[in-house]
Protein backbone atom coordinates (compact mmCIF):
# COMPACT_ATOMS: atom_id res chain seq x y z
CA MET A 1 -28.81 5.18 36.61
CA GLU A 2 -31.82 2.25 35.51
CA TYR A 3 -31.31 2.76 32.22
CA CYS A 4 -27.65 2.93 32.27
CA LEU A 5 -27.20 -0.62 33.76
CA PRO A 6 -28.53 -2.47 30.07
CA LEU A 7 -26.28 0.09 28.20
CA LYS A 8 -23.18 -1.71 30.28
CA ARG A 9 -24.49 -4.70 29.87
CA GLN A 10 -24.34 -4.28 25.66
CA THR A 11 -21.30 -2.57 25.83
CA ASN A 12 -19.73 -5.32 27.11
CA ARG A 13 -21.15 -8.02 25.04
CA LYS A 14 -19.43 -5.68 21.78
CA HIS A 15 -16.27 -5.99 23.62
CA LYS A 16 -16.77 -9.46 23.52
CA ASN A 17 -17.88 -9.46 19.89
CA MET A 18 -15.07 -6.96 18.65
CA ASP A 19 -12.37 -9.42 20.98
CA LYS A 20 -14.24 -12.91 19.32
CA HIS A 21 -13.91 -11.31 15.83
CA LYS A 22 -10.55 -10.12 15.86
CA HIS A 23 -9.21 -13.85 18.36
CA THR A 24 -10.44 -15.63 14.85
CA GLU A 25 -8.95 -12.91 12.82
CA SER A 26 -5.83 -13.59 14.59
CA HIS A 27 -5.83 -16.94 14.11
CA GLU A 28 -6.15 -16.95 10.79
CA THR A 29 -3.40 -14.95 10.01
CA SER A 30 -0.55 -17.42 12.35
CA THR A 31 -2.58 -20.19 10.37
CA LEU A 32 -1.56 -18.48 7.15
CA ALA A 33 2.06 -18.32 8.69
CA GLU A 34 2.33 -21.30 9.49
CA ASP A 35 1.60 -22.70 6.45
CA ALA A 36 4.49 -20.63 4.40
CA SER A 37 6.92 -21.36 7.17
CA ALA A 38 5.90 -25.53 6.43
CA LEU A 39 6.15 -24.89 2.46
CA MET A 40 10.03 -23.12 4.05
CA ALA A 41 10.96 -25.84 5.74
CA ALA A 42 9.09 -28.17 2.91
CA THR A 43 11.84 -27.34 0.25
CA ALA A 44 14.92 -25.96 2.57
CA ASP A 45 16.94 -28.92 0.90
CA LEU A 46 15.41 -28.34 -2.54
CA ALA A 47 18.45 -27.33 -3.94
CA GLY A 48 18.43 -24.51 -7.18
CA GLU A 49 18.32 -21.40 -7.82
CA LYS A 50 14.64 -20.76 -8.49
CA VAL A 51 13.67 -21.79 -5.43
CA ALA A 52 15.80 -20.21 -3.45
CA GLU A 53 14.67 -16.90 -4.78
CA ALA A 54 10.99 -17.91 -4.49
CA ARG A 55 11.00 -18.50 -0.97
CA GLU A 56 12.92 -15.27 -0.40
CA ARG A 57 9.88 -13.40 -1.74
CA LEU A 58 7.52 -15.91 0.25
CA ALA A 59 9.60 -15.07 3.31
CA SER A 60 9.26 -11.08 2.28
CA ALA A 61 5.93 -11.78 1.54
CA LEU A 62 5.21 -13.33 4.83
CA GLU A 63 6.59 -10.60 6.59
CA LYS A 64 5.11 -7.52 4.83
CA ALA A 65 1.92 -9.33 5.51
CA ARG A 66 2.30 -9.96 9.10
CA GLU A 67 2.71 -6.33 9.67
CA ILE A 68 -0.12 -5.16 7.36
CA ALA A 69 -2.27 -7.03 9.23
CA ALA A 70 -1.22 -6.21 13.36
CA ARG A 71 -1.60 -2.25 11.57
CA LEU A 72 -4.29 -2.85 10.25
CA ARG A 73 -5.95 -4.90 13.77
CA ASP A 74 -4.18 -2.05 16.12
CA LYS A 75 -6.21 0.97 13.24
CA ALA A 76 -9.21 -0.98 13.51
CA VAL A 77 -9.28 -1.55 17.23
CA GLU A 78 -8.16 2.40 17.77
CA THR A 79 -11.54 3.06 15.27
CA ALA A 80 -13.86 1.01 17.26
CA LYS A 81 -12.70 2.64 20.29
CA ALA A 82 -12.81 5.90 19.33
CA THR A 83 -16.69 5.45 17.67
CA ASP A 84 -17.61 3.31 21.07
CA LYS A 85 -17.11 7.04 23.37
CA ALA A 86 -18.59 9.40 20.70
CA VAL A 87 -21.88 6.99 20.59
CA HIS A 88 -21.48 6.72 23.96
CA LYS A 89 -20.39 10.49 24.33
CA HIS A 90 -23.28 11.90 21.89
CA PRO A 91 -26.11 9.30 22.40
CA TYR A 92 -29.01 10.79 20.54
CA LYS A 93 -26.74 12.20 17.96
CA ALA A 94 -25.99 9.24 17.21
CA VAL A 95 -28.66 7.72 16.53
CA ALA A 96 -30.14 10.68 14.45
CA ILE A 97 -26.72 10.19 12.45
CA GLY A 98 -28.32 6.27 11.84
CA PHE A 99 -31.10 6.83 11.41
CA GLY A 100 -30.57 9.86 8.68
CA VAL A 101 -27.97 7.26 6.74
CA GLY A 102 -30.57 4.72 7.03
CA MET A 103 -32.87 6.78 5.15
CA LEU A 104 -30.65 8.07 2.94
CA ILE A 105 -29.78 4.23 2.20
CA GLY A 106 -33.51 3.05 1.41
CA VAL A 107 -34.11 5.90 -0.70
CA PHE A 108 -31.94 4.74 -2.71
CA ILE A 109 -32.59 1.57 -2.77
CA ALA A 110 -35.89 3.06 -3.38
CA ARG A 111 -34.89 4.55 -6.37
CA ARG A 112 -33.12 1.19 -7.88
CA SER A 113 -35.50 -1.01 -7.14
CA SER A 114 -37.79 1.52 -8.94
CA ARG A 115 -35.89 2.56 -12.32
CA ASN A 116 -35.40 -1.60 -12.51
CA SER A 117 -38.86 -2.10 -12.47
CA ASP A 118 -39.92 -0.26 -15.59
């Protein structure tokens, strides 16, 4: 039980970091949406067929971007939670996989750098 306490603290720290990144991403998306809405409001009094068409396309693109951002955010959170559960369920396997992937990347980088130096 003594070894579980640092793991819980680490997990809490990871969740806080994930929440911080999610908040930053959400803020940037909302800023973009606000800017686009402000642009639409600024051009509301302009007449013309092309302006109206451009406003419609902007509104449509903005709505699609919001939907895509929401889906990506939900998928990322879902994936992070699933990964966290898997790592907690099989910690030694996760460490072994991480070690193996790190070794492969190291081998590929070493091969690439040795080819470039020849």
